[in-house]
PDB file of N, CA and C in Angstrom:
ATOM      1  N   UNK A   1     -11.816  23.560   9.668  1.00  0.00           N
ATOM      2  CA  UNK A   1     -12.061  22.824   8.436  1.00  0.00           C
ATOM      3  C   UNK A   1     -11.096  21.647   8.297  1.00  0.00           C
ATOM      4  N   UNK A   2      -9.825  21.861   8.630  1.00  0.00           N
ATOM      5  CA  UNK A   2      -8.832  20.809   8.515  1.00  0.00           C
ATOM      6  C   UNK A   2      -9.151  19.592   9.370  1.00  0.00           C
ATOM      7  N   UNK A   3      -9.689  19.828  10.569  1.00  0.00           N
ATOM      8  CA  UNK A   3     -10.025  18.712  11.456  1.00  0.00           C
ATOM      9  C   UNK A   3     -11.142  17.861  10.870  1.00  0.00           C
ATOM     10  N   UNK A   4     -12.093  18.506  10.207  1.00  0.00           N
ATOM     11  CA  UNK A   4     -13.200  17.762   9.593  1.00  0.00           C
ATOM     12  C   UNK A   4     -12.676  16.899   8.451  1.00  0.00           C
ATOM     13  N   UNK A   5     -11.836  17.470   7.604  1.00  0.00           N
ATOM     14  CA  UNK A   5     -11.258  16.708   6.497  1.00  0.00           C
ATOM     15  C   UNK A   5     -10.413  15.569   7.039  1.00  0.00           C
ATOM     16  N   UNK A   6      -9.611  15.861   8.068  1.00  0.00           N
ATOM     17  CA  UNK A   6      -8.774  14.828   8.668  1.00  0.00           C
ATOM     18  C   UNK A   6      -9.595  13.690   9.255  1.00  0.00           C
ATOM     19  N   UNK A   7     -10.696  14.032   9.911  1.00  0.00           N
ATOM     20  CA  UNK A   7     -11.566  13.016  10.507  1.00  0.00           C
ATOM     21  C   UNK A   7     -12.188  12.141   9.420  1.00  0.00           C
ATOM     22  N   UNK A   8     -12.666  12.770   8.343  1.00  0.00           N
ATOM     23  CA  UNK A   8     -13.259  12.015   7.222  1.00  0.00           C
ATOM     24  C   UNK A   8     -12.213  11.106   6.587  1.00  0.00           C
ATOM     25  N   UNK A   9     -11.007  11.640   6.391  1.00  0.00           N
ATOM     26  CA  UNK A   9      -9.931  10.837   5.804  1.00  0.00           C
ATOM     27  C   UNK A   9      -9.627   9.627   6.675  1.00  0.00           C
ATOM     28  N   UNK A  10      -9.532   9.836   7.980  1.00  0.00           N
ATOM     29  CA  UNK A  10      -9.270   8.716   8.887  1.00  0.00           C
ATOM     30  C   UNK A  10     -10.396   7.690   8.861  1.00  0.00           C
ATOM     31  N   UNK A  11     -11.632   8.152   8.770  1.00  0.00           N
ATOM     32  CA  UNK A  11     -12.758   7.224   8.698  1.00  0.00           C
ATOM     33  C   UNK A  11     -12.679   6.390   7.415  1.00  0.00           C
ATOM     34  N   UNK A  12     -12.385   7.057   6.290  1.00  0.00           N
ATOM     35  CA  UNK A  12     -12.288   6.337   5.016  1.00  0.00           C
ATOM     36  C   UNK A  12     -11.115   5.360   5.008  1.00  0.00           C
ATOM     37  N   UNK A  13      -9.984   5.806   5.534  1.00  0.00           N
ATOM     38  CA  UNK A  13      -8.813   4.928   5.569  1.00  0.00           C
ATOM     39  C   UNK A  13      -9.072   3.734   6.484  1.00  0.00           C
ATOM     40  N   UNK A  14      -9.735   3.966   7.614  1.00  0.00           N
ATOM     41  CA  UNK A  14      -9.993   2.850   8.529  1.00  0.00           C
ATOM     42  C   UNK A  14     -10.912   1.823   7.895  1.00  0.00           C
ATOM     43  N   UNK A  15     -11.867   2.275   7.060  1.00  0.00           N
ATOM     44  CA  UNK A  15     -12.722   1.318   6.339  1.00  0.00           C
ATOM     45  C   UNK A  15     -11.881   0.462   5.403  1.00  0.00           C
ATOM     46  N   UNK A  16     -10.990   1.117   4.668  1.00  0.00           N
ATOM     47  CA  UNK A  16     -10.158   0.387   3.724  1.00  0.00           C
ATOM     48  C   UNK A  16      -9.198  -0.542   4.470  1.00  0.00           C
ATOM     49  N   UNK A  17      -8.685  -0.073   5.600  1.00  0.00           N
ATOM     50  CA  UNK A  17      -7.731  -0.873   6.376  1.00  0.00           C
ATOM     51  C   UNK A  17      -8.403  -2.147   6.900  1.00  0.00           C
ATOM     52  N   UNK A  18      -9.621  -2.009   7.414  1.00  0.00           N
ATOM     53  CA  UNK A  18     -10.321  -3.156   7.990  1.00  0.00           C
ATOM     54  C   UNK A  18     -10.875  -4.094   6.923  1.00  0.00           C
ATOM     55  N   UNK A  19     -11.263  -3.550   5.792  1.00  0.00           N
ATOM     56  CA  UNK A  19     -11.829  -4.365   4.725  1.00  0.00           C
ATOM     57  C   UNK A  19     -11.522  -3.703   3.377  1.00  0.00           C
ATOM     58  N   UNK A  20     -10.340  -3.987   2.801  1.00  0.00           N
ATOM     59  CA  UNK A  20      -9.941  -3.341   1.551  1.00  0.00           C
ATOM     60  C   UNK A  20     -10.968  -3.476   0.430  1.00  0.00           C
ATOM     61  N   UNK A  21     -11.717  -4.563   0.429  1.00  0.00           N
ATOM     62  CA  UNK A  21     -12.690  -4.781  -0.643  1.00  0.00           C
ATOM     63  C   UNK A  21     -13.941  -3.911  -0.467  1.00  0.00           C
ATOM     64  N   UNK A  22     -14.109  -3.305   0.714  1.00  0.00           N
ATOM     65  CA  UNK A  22     -15.262  -2.440   0.946  1.00  0.00           C
ATOM     66  C   UNK A  22     -15.044  -1.047   0.357  1.00  0.00           C
ATOM     67  N   UNK A  23     -13.795  -0.695   0.088  1.00  0.00           N
ATOM     68  CA  UNK A  23     -13.494   0.601  -0.513  1.00  0.00           C
ATOM     69  C   UNK A  23     -14.026   0.599  -1.935  1.00  0.00           C
ATOM     70  N   UNK A  24     -14.657   1.681  -2.378  1.00  0.00           N
ATOM     71  CA  UNK A  24     -15.275   1.688  -3.716  1.00  0.00           C
ATOM     72  C   UNK A  24     -14.289   1.326  -4.831  1.00  0.00           C
ATOM     73  N   UNK A  25     -14.579   0.235  -5.499  1.00  0.00           N
ATOM     74  CA  UNK A  25     -13.710  -0.285  -6.559  1.00  0.00           C
ATOM     75  C   UNK A  25     -13.465   0.771  -7.638  1.00  0.00           C
ATOM     76  N   UNK A  26     -14.492   1.559  -7.959  1.00  0.00           N
ATOM     77  CA  UNK A  26     -14.367   2.590  -8.995  1.00  0.00           C
ATOM     78  C   UNK A  26     -13.325   3.628  -8.604  1.00  0.00           C
ATOM     79  N   UNK A  27     -13.268   3.975  -7.329  1.00  0.00           N
ATOM     80  CA  UNK A  27     -12.283   4.960  -6.864  1.00  0.00           C
ATOM     81  C   UNK A  27     -10.876   4.398  -6.960  1.00  0.00           C
ATOM     82  N   UNK A  28     -10.710   3.149  -6.593  1.00  0.00           N
ATOM     83  CA  UNK A  28      -9.391   2.519  -6.658  1.00  0.00           C
ATOM     84  C   UNK A  28      -8.933   2.406  -8.107  1.00  0.00           C
ATOM     85  N   UNK A  29      -9.823   2.009  -8.990  1.00  0.00           N
ATOM     86  CA  UNK A  29      -9.476   1.840 -10.397  1.00  0.00           C
ATOM     87  C   UNK A  29      -9.158   3.166 -11.081  1.00  0.00           C
ATOM     88  N   UNK A  30      -9.579   4.281 -10.483  1.00  0.00           N
ATOM     89  CA  UNK A  30      -9.323   5.603 -11.061  1.00  0.00           C
ATOM     90  C   UNK A  30      -8.041   6.247 -10.543  1.00  0.00           C
ATOM     91  N   UNK A  31      -7.281   5.534  -9.730  1.00  0.00           N
ATOM     92  CA  UNK A  31      -6.000   6.064  -9.267  1.00  0.00           C
ATOM     93  C   UNK A  31      -5.032   5.990 -10.446  1.00  0.00           C
ATOM     94  N   UNK A  32      -4.525   7.144 -10.862  1.00  0.00           N
ATOM     95  CA  UNK A  32      -3.646   7.178 -12.028  1.00  0.00           C
ATOM     96  C   UNK A  32      -2.180   7.352 -11.676  1.00  0.00           C
ATOM     97  N   UNK A  33      -1.905   7.729 -10.454  1.00  0.00           N
ATOM     98  CA  UNK A  33      -0.516   7.919 -10.040  1.00  0.00           C
ATOM     99  C   UNK A  33       0.159   6.573  -9.831  1.00  0.00           C
ATOM    100  N   UNK A  34       1.473   6.527 -10.030  1.00  0.00           N
ATOM    101  CA  UNK A  34       2.193   5.283  -9.727  1.00  0.00           C
ATOM    102  C   UNK A  34       2.087   4.986  -8.224  1.00  0.00           C
ATOM    103  N   UNK A  35       1.809   3.746  -7.914  1.00  0.00           N
ATOM    104  CA  UNK A  35       1.639   3.319  -6.519  1.00  0.00           C
ATOM    105  C   UNK A  35       2.543   2.111  -6.282  1.00  0.00           C
ATOM    106  N   UNK A  36       3.280   2.150  -5.187  1.00  0.00           N
ATOM    107  CA  UNK A  36       4.082   1.003  -4.787  1.00  0.00           C
ATOM    108  C   UNK A  36       3.397   0.344  -3.601  1.00  0.00           C
ATOM    109  N   UNK A  37       3.027  -0.901  -3.773  1.00  0.00           N
ATOM    110  CA  UNK A  37       2.466  -1.700  -2.678  1.00  0.00           C
ATOM    111  C   UNK A  37       3.608  -2.597  -2.218  1.00  0.00           C
ATOM    112  N   UNK A  38       4.057  -2.388  -1.003  1.00  0.00           N
ATOM    113  CA  UNK A  38       5.220  -3.099  -0.490  1.00  0.00           C
ATOM    114  C   UNK A  38       4.846  -3.742   0.840  1.00  0.00           C
ATOM    115  N   UNK A  39       5.109  -5.009   0.957  1.00  0.00           N
ATOM    116  CA  UNK A  39       4.768  -5.727   2.193  1.00  0.00           C
ATOM    117  C   UNK A  39       5.755  -6.860   2.423  1.00  0.00           C
ATOM    118  N   UNK A  40       5.802  -7.302   3.647  1.00  0.00           N
ATOM    119  CA  UNK A  40       6.582  -8.486   3.975  1.00  0.00           C
ATOM    120  C   UNK A  40       5.725  -9.724   3.772  1.00  0.00           C
ATOM    121  N   UNK A  41       6.356 -10.835   3.485  1.00  0.00           N
ATOM    122  CA  UNK A  41       5.586 -12.059   3.266  1.00  0.00           C
ATOM    123  C   UNK A  41       4.976 -12.614   4.552  1.00  0.00           C
ATOM    124  N   UNK A  42       5.377 -12.062   5.693  1.00  0.00           N
ATOM    125  CA  UNK A  42       4.784 -12.425   6.980  1.00  0.00           C
ATOM    126  C   UNK A  42       4.147 -11.196   7.633  1.00  0.00           C
ATOM    127  N   UNK A  43       3.619 -10.307   6.817  1.00  0.00           N
ATOM    128  CA  UNK A  43       3.012  -9.068   7.290  1.00  0.00           C
ATOM    129  C   UNK A  43       1.792  -9.391   8.152  1.00  0.00           C
ATOM    130  N   UNK A  44       1.771  -8.837   9.344  1.00  0.00           N
ATOM    131  CA  UNK A  44       0.674  -9.084  10.283  1.00  0.00           C
ATOM    132  C   UNK A  44      -0.533  -8.200   9.985  1.00  0.00           C
ATOM    133  N   UNK A  45      -0.332  -7.121   9.242  1.00  0.00           N
ATOM    134  CA  UNK A  45      -1.418  -6.167   8.992  1.00  0.00           C
ATOM    135  C   UNK A  45      -2.126  -6.413   7.670  1.00  0.00           C
ATOM    136  N   UNK A  46      -1.393  -6.842   6.666  1.00  0.00           N
ATOM    137  CA  UNK A  46      -1.971  -7.056   5.329  1.00  0.00           C
ATOM    138  C   UNK A  46      -1.466  -8.378   4.762  1.00  0.00           C
ATOM    139  N   UNK A  47      -2.385  -9.196   4.337  1.00  0.00           N
ATOM    140  CA  UNK A  47      -1.973 -10.478   3.757  1.00  0.00           C
ATOM    141  C   UNK A  47      -1.468 -10.263   2.332  1.00  0.00           C
ATOM    142  N   UNK A  48      -0.718 -11.213   1.844  1.00  0.00           N
ATOM    143  CA  UNK A  48      -0.247 -11.150   0.465  1.00  0.00           C
ATOM    144  C   UNK A  48      -1.445 -11.123  -0.482  1.00  0.00           C
ATOM    145  N   UNK A  49      -2.471 -11.890  -0.170  1.00  0.00           N
ATOM    146  CA  UNK A  49      -3.674 -11.899  -1.014  1.00  0.00           C
ATOM    147  C   UNK A  49      -4.295 -10.507  -1.106  1.00  0.00           C
ATOM    148  N   UNK A  50      -4.371  -9.785   0.016  1.00  0.00           N
ATOM    149  CA  UNK A  50      -4.922  -8.427   0.007  1.00  0.00           C
ATOM    150  C   UNK A  50      -4.054  -7.498  -0.841  1.00  0.00           C
ATOM    151  N   UNK A  51      -2.746  -7.641  -0.707  1.00  0.00           N
ATOM    152  CA  UNK A  51      -1.823  -6.809  -1.489  1.00  0.00           C
ATOM    153  C   UNK A  51      -1.975  -7.085  -2.980  1.00  0.00           C
ATOM    154  N   UNK A  52      -2.105  -8.343  -3.349  1.00  0.00           N
ATOM    155  CA  UNK A  52      -2.269  -8.706  -4.760  1.00  0.00           C
ATOM    156  C   UNK A  52      -3.590  -8.166  -5.294  1.00  0.00           C
ATOM    157  N   UNK A  53      -4.655  -8.231  -4.504  1.00  0.00           N
ATOM    158  CA  UNK A  53      -5.955  -7.688  -4.938  1.00  0.00           C
ATOM    159  C   UNK A  53      -5.840  -6.197  -5.226  1.00  0.00           C
ATOM    160  N   UNK A  54      -5.202  -5.459  -4.324  1.00  0.00           N
ATOM    161  CA  UNK A  54      -5.022  -4.016  -4.534  1.00  0.00           C
ATOM    162  C   UNK A  54      -4.152  -3.768  -5.768  1.00  0.00           C
ATOM    163  N   UNK A  55      -3.088  -4.528  -5.903  1.00  0.00           N
ATOM    164  CA  UNK A  55      -2.184  -4.409  -7.051  1.00  0.00           C
ATOM    165  C   UNK A  55      -2.944  -4.584  -8.369  1.00  0.00           C
ATOM    166  N   UNK A  56      -3.836  -5.539  -8.400  1.00  0.00           N
ATOM    167  CA  UNK A  56      -4.598  -5.810  -9.625  1.00  0.00           C
ATOM    168  C   UNK A  56      -5.642  -4.728  -9.904  1.00  0.00           C
ATOM    169  N   UNK A  57      -6.130  -4.070  -8.873  1.00  0.00           N
ATOM    170  CA  UNK A  57      -7.156  -3.033  -9.060  1.00  0.00           C
ATOM    171  C   UNK A  57      -6.581  -1.683  -9.495  1.00  0.00           C
ATOM    172  N   UNK A  58      -5.384  -1.352  -9.050  1.00  0.00           N
ATOM    173  CA  UNK A  58      -4.803  -0.040  -9.327  1.00  0.00           C
ATOM    174  C   UNK A  58      -3.997  -0.116 -10.623  1.00  0.00           C
ATOM    175  N   UNK A  59      -4.397   0.657 -11.630  1.00  0.00           N
ATOM    176  CA  UNK A  59      -3.775   0.543 -12.960  1.00  0.00           C
ATOM    177  C   UNK A  59      -2.254   0.692 -12.989  1.00  0.00           C
ATOM    178  N   UNK A  60      -1.683   1.644 -12.266  1.00  0.00           N
ATOM    179  CA  UNK A  60      -0.239   1.882 -12.319  1.00  0.00           C
ATOM    180  C   UNK A  60       0.490   1.370 -11.080  1.00  0.00           C
ATOM    181  N   UNK A  61      -0.063   0.358 -10.455  1.00  0.00           N
ATOM    182  CA  UNK A  61       0.543  -0.166  -9.230  1.00  0.00           C
ATOM    183  C   UNK A  61       1.710  -1.095  -9.535  1.00  0.00           C
ATOM    184  N   UNK A  62       2.619  -1.129  -8.591  1.00  0.00           N
ATOM    185  CA  UNK A  62       3.713  -2.090  -8.604  1.00  0.00           C
ATOM    186  C   UNK A  62       3.671  -2.810  -7.265  1.00  0.00           C
ATOM    187  N   UNK A  63       4.066  -4.056  -7.275  1.00  0.00           N
ATOM    188  CA  UNK A  63       3.986  -4.881  -6.074  1.00  0.00           C
ATOM    189  C   UNK A  63       5.359  -5.424  -5.720  1.00  0.00           C
ATOM    190  N   UNK A  64       5.737  -5.254  -4.467  1.00  0.00           N
ATOM    191  CA  UNK A  64       6.986  -5.812  -3.956  1.00  0.00           C
ATOM    192  C   UNK A  64       6.682  -6.553  -2.657  1.00  0.00           C
ATOM    193  N   UNK A  65       7.009  -7.825  -2.633  1.00  0.00           N
ATOM    194  CA  UNK A  65       6.847  -8.629  -1.424  1.00  0.00           C
ATOM    195  C   UNK A  65       8.245  -9.009  -0.952  1.00  0.00           C
ATOM    196  N   UNK A  66       8.561  -8.641   0.257  1.00  0.00           N
ATOM    197  CA  UNK A  66       9.895  -8.898   0.799  1.00  0.00           C
ATOM    198  C   UNK A  66       9.857 -10.181   1.627  1.00  0.00           C
ATOM    199  N   UNK A  67      10.727 -11.126   1.291  1.00  0.00           N
ATOM    200  CA  UNK A  67      10.727 -12.410   2.000  1.00  0.00           C
ATOM    201  C   UNK A  67      11.231 -12.295   3.438  1.00  0.00           C
ATOM    202  N   UNK A  68      10.682 -13.168   4.257  1.00  0.00           N
ATOM    203  CA  UNK A  68      11.062 -13.277   5.668  1.00  0.00           C
ATOM    204  C   UNK A  68      10.962 -11.941   6.392  1.00  0.00           C
ATOM    205  N   UNK A  69       9.856 -11.223   6.124  1.00  0.00           N
ATOM    206  CA  UNK A  69       9.665  -9.914   6.741  1.00  0.00           C
ATOM    207  C   UNK A  69       8.219  -9.736   7.162  1.00  0.00           C
ATOM    208  N   UNK A  70       8.029  -8.960   8.212  1.00  0.00           N
ATOM    209  CA  UNK A  70       6.694  -8.634   8.693  1.00  0.00           C
ATOM    210  C   UNK A  70       6.304  -7.236   8.273  1.00  0.00           C
ATOM    211  N   UNK A  71       5.344  -6.657   8.983  1.00  0.00           N
ATOM    212  CA  UNK A  71       4.845  -5.319   8.661  1.00  0.00           C
ATOM    213  C   UNK A  71       5.913  -4.248   8.890  1.00  0.00           C
ATOM    214  N   UNK A  72       6.854  -4.514   9.770  1.00  0.00           N
ATOM    215  CA  UNK A  72       7.896  -3.539  10.089  1.00  0.00           C
ATOM    216  C   UNK A  72       9.148  -3.742   9.227  1.00  0.00           C
ATOM    217  N   UNK A  73       8.940  -4.126   7.989  1.00  0.00           N
ATOM    218  CA  UNK A  73      10.039  -4.427   7.074  1.00  0.00           C
ATOM    219  C   UNK A  73      11.016  -3.263   6.943  1.00  0.00           C
ATOM    220  N   UNK A  74      10.543  -2.045   7.065  1.00  0.00           N
ATOM    221  CA  UNK A  74      11.416  -0.865   6.979  1.00  0.00           C
ATOM    222  C   UNK A  74      12.425  -0.842   8.126  1.00  0.00           C
ATOM    223  N   UNK A  75      12.124  -1.526   9.220  1.00  0.00           N
ATOM    224  CA  UNK A  75      13.051  -1.604  10.353  1.00  0.00           C
ATOM    225  C   UNK A  75      13.897  -2.869  10.317  1.00  0.00           C
ATOM    226  N   UNK A  76      13.293  -3.982   9.922  1.00  0.00           N
ATOM    227  CA  UNK A  76      14.007  -5.256   9.957  1.00  0.00           C
ATOM    228  C   UNK A  76      14.885  -5.492   8.732  1.00  0.00           C
ATOM    229  N   UNK A  77      14.512  -4.890   7.610  1.00  0.00           N
ATOM    230  CA  UNK A  77      15.304  -5.025   6.377  1.00  0.00           C
ATOM    231  C   UNK A  77      15.427  -3.654   5.703  1.00  0.00           C
ATOM    232  N   UNK A  78      16.018  -2.688   6.423  1.00  0.00           N
ATOM    233  CA  UNK A  78      16.037  -1.319   5.905  1.00  0.00           C
ATOM    234  C   UNK A  78      16.769  -1.153   4.577  1.00  0.00           C
ATOM    235  N   UNK A  79      17.853  -1.886   4.367  1.00  0.00           N
ATOM    236  CA  UNK A  79      18.592  -1.738   3.108  1.00  0.00           C
ATOM    237  C   UNK A  79      17.739  -2.167   1.922  1.00  0.00           C
ATOM    238  N   UNK A  80      17.099  -3.304   2.033  1.00  0.00           N
ATOM    239  CA  UNK A  80      16.252  -3.805   0.949  1.00  0.00           C
ATOM    240  C   UNK A  80      15.031  -2.902   0.752  1.00  0.00           C
ATOM    241  N   UNK A  81      14.395  -2.532   1.841  1.00  0.00           N
ATOM    242  CA  UNK A  81      13.249  -1.627   1.786  1.00  0.00           C
ATOM    243  C   UNK A  81      13.634  -0.323   1.089  1.00  0.00           C
ATOM    244  N   UNK A  82      14.723   0.304   1.550  1.00  0.00           N
ATOM    245  CA  UNK A  82      15.160   1.574   0.975  1.00  0.00           C
ATOM    246  C   UNK A  82      15.523   1.428  -0.500  1.00  0.00           C
ATOM    247  N   UNK A  83      16.148   0.347  -0.850  1.00  0.00           N
ATOM    248  CA  UNK A  83      16.522   0.113  -2.241  1.00  0.00           C
ATOM    249  C   UNK A  83      15.296   0.031  -3.148  1.00  0.00           C
ATOM    250  N   UNK A  84      14.295  -0.701  -2.723  1.00  0.00           N
ATOM    251  CA  UNK A  84      13.066  -0.857  -3.508  1.00  0.00           C
ATOM    252  C   UNK A  84      12.334   0.484  -3.625  1.00  0.00           C
ATOM    253  N   UNK A  85      12.196   1.184  -2.518  1.00  0.00           N
ATOM    254  CA  UNK A  85      11.483   2.461  -2.526  1.00  0.00           C
ATOM    255  C   UNK A  85      12.239   3.499  -3.353  1.00  0.00           C
ATOM    256  N   UNK A  86      13.541   3.582  -3.174  1.00  0.00           N
ATOM    257  CA  UNK A  86      14.338   4.558  -3.921  1.00  0.00           C
ATOM    258  C   UNK A  86      14.272   4.281  -5.423  1.00  0.00           C
ATOM    259  N   UNK A  87      14.390   3.034  -5.805  1.00  0.00           N
ATOM    260  CA  UNK A  87      14.321   2.674  -7.223  1.00  0.00           C
ATOM    261  C   UNK A  87      12.957   3.060  -7.803  1.00  0.00           C
ATOM    262  N   UNK A  88      11.895   2.814  -7.066  1.00  0.00           N
ATOM    263  CA  UNK A  88      10.546   3.191  -7.487  1.00  0.00           C
ATOM    264  C   UNK A  88      10.442   4.705  -7.656  1.00  0.00           C
ATOM    265  N   UNK A  89      10.904   5.438  -6.654  1.00  0.00           N
ATOM    266  CA  UNK A  89      10.815   6.905  -6.699  1.00  0.00           C
ATOM    267  C   UNK A  89      11.634   7.496  -7.838  1.00  0.00           C
ATOM    268  N   UNK A  90      12.809   6.975  -8.080  1.00  0.00           N
ATOM    269  CA  UNK A  90      13.659   7.492  -9.149  1.00  0.00           C
ATOM    270  C   UNK A  90      13.036   7.250 -10.541  1.00  0.00           C
ATOM    271  N   UNK A  91      12.337   6.154 -10.690  1.00  0.00           N
ATOM    272  CA  UNK A  91      11.667   5.891 -11.969  1.00  0.00           C
ATOM    273  C   UNK A  91      10.458   6.778 -12.187  1.00  0.00           C
ATOM    274  N   UNK A  92       9.894   7.314 -11.108  1.00  0.00           N
ATOM    275  CA  UNK A  92       8.639   8.073 -11.221  1.00  0.00           C
ATOM    276  C   UNK A  92       8.786   9.533 -10.793  1.00  0.00           C
ATOM    277  N   UNK A  93       9.984  10.067 -10.866  1.00  0.00           N
ATOM    278  CA  UNK A  93      10.164  11.473 -10.448  1.00  0.00           C
ATOM    279  C   UNK A  93       9.674  12.438 -11.510  1.00  0.00           C
TER     280      UNK A  93
END
C-alpha cells in the first residue's frame, strides 16, 4: 500500500514541479498550515515569479528570496538559510 501512495505522491509532485499552475488551485488555496517558500534569486529550479505565484495562492504562506543564491542556497548560504528557517519554525511551533 505504501508504494502505491508513494508513487501517486511522486506523480502529483512531479506535475506541480514541472508546471506549478497545473496543480489544482482549489487544493493550494485550502492549505491552512504555515508554509515557507524559500528560494535563491538565481534559483535554477524555480523562478521568482513561480515562487510569488505560489506565495499569493497559499493563505498562510511566507516568502523569502535570498540574494545571490541558487537552488542550493542551503549549501552556499547556510547561515542565512538556517536563520530564516529557524525563525519561521520558532514562530509556528
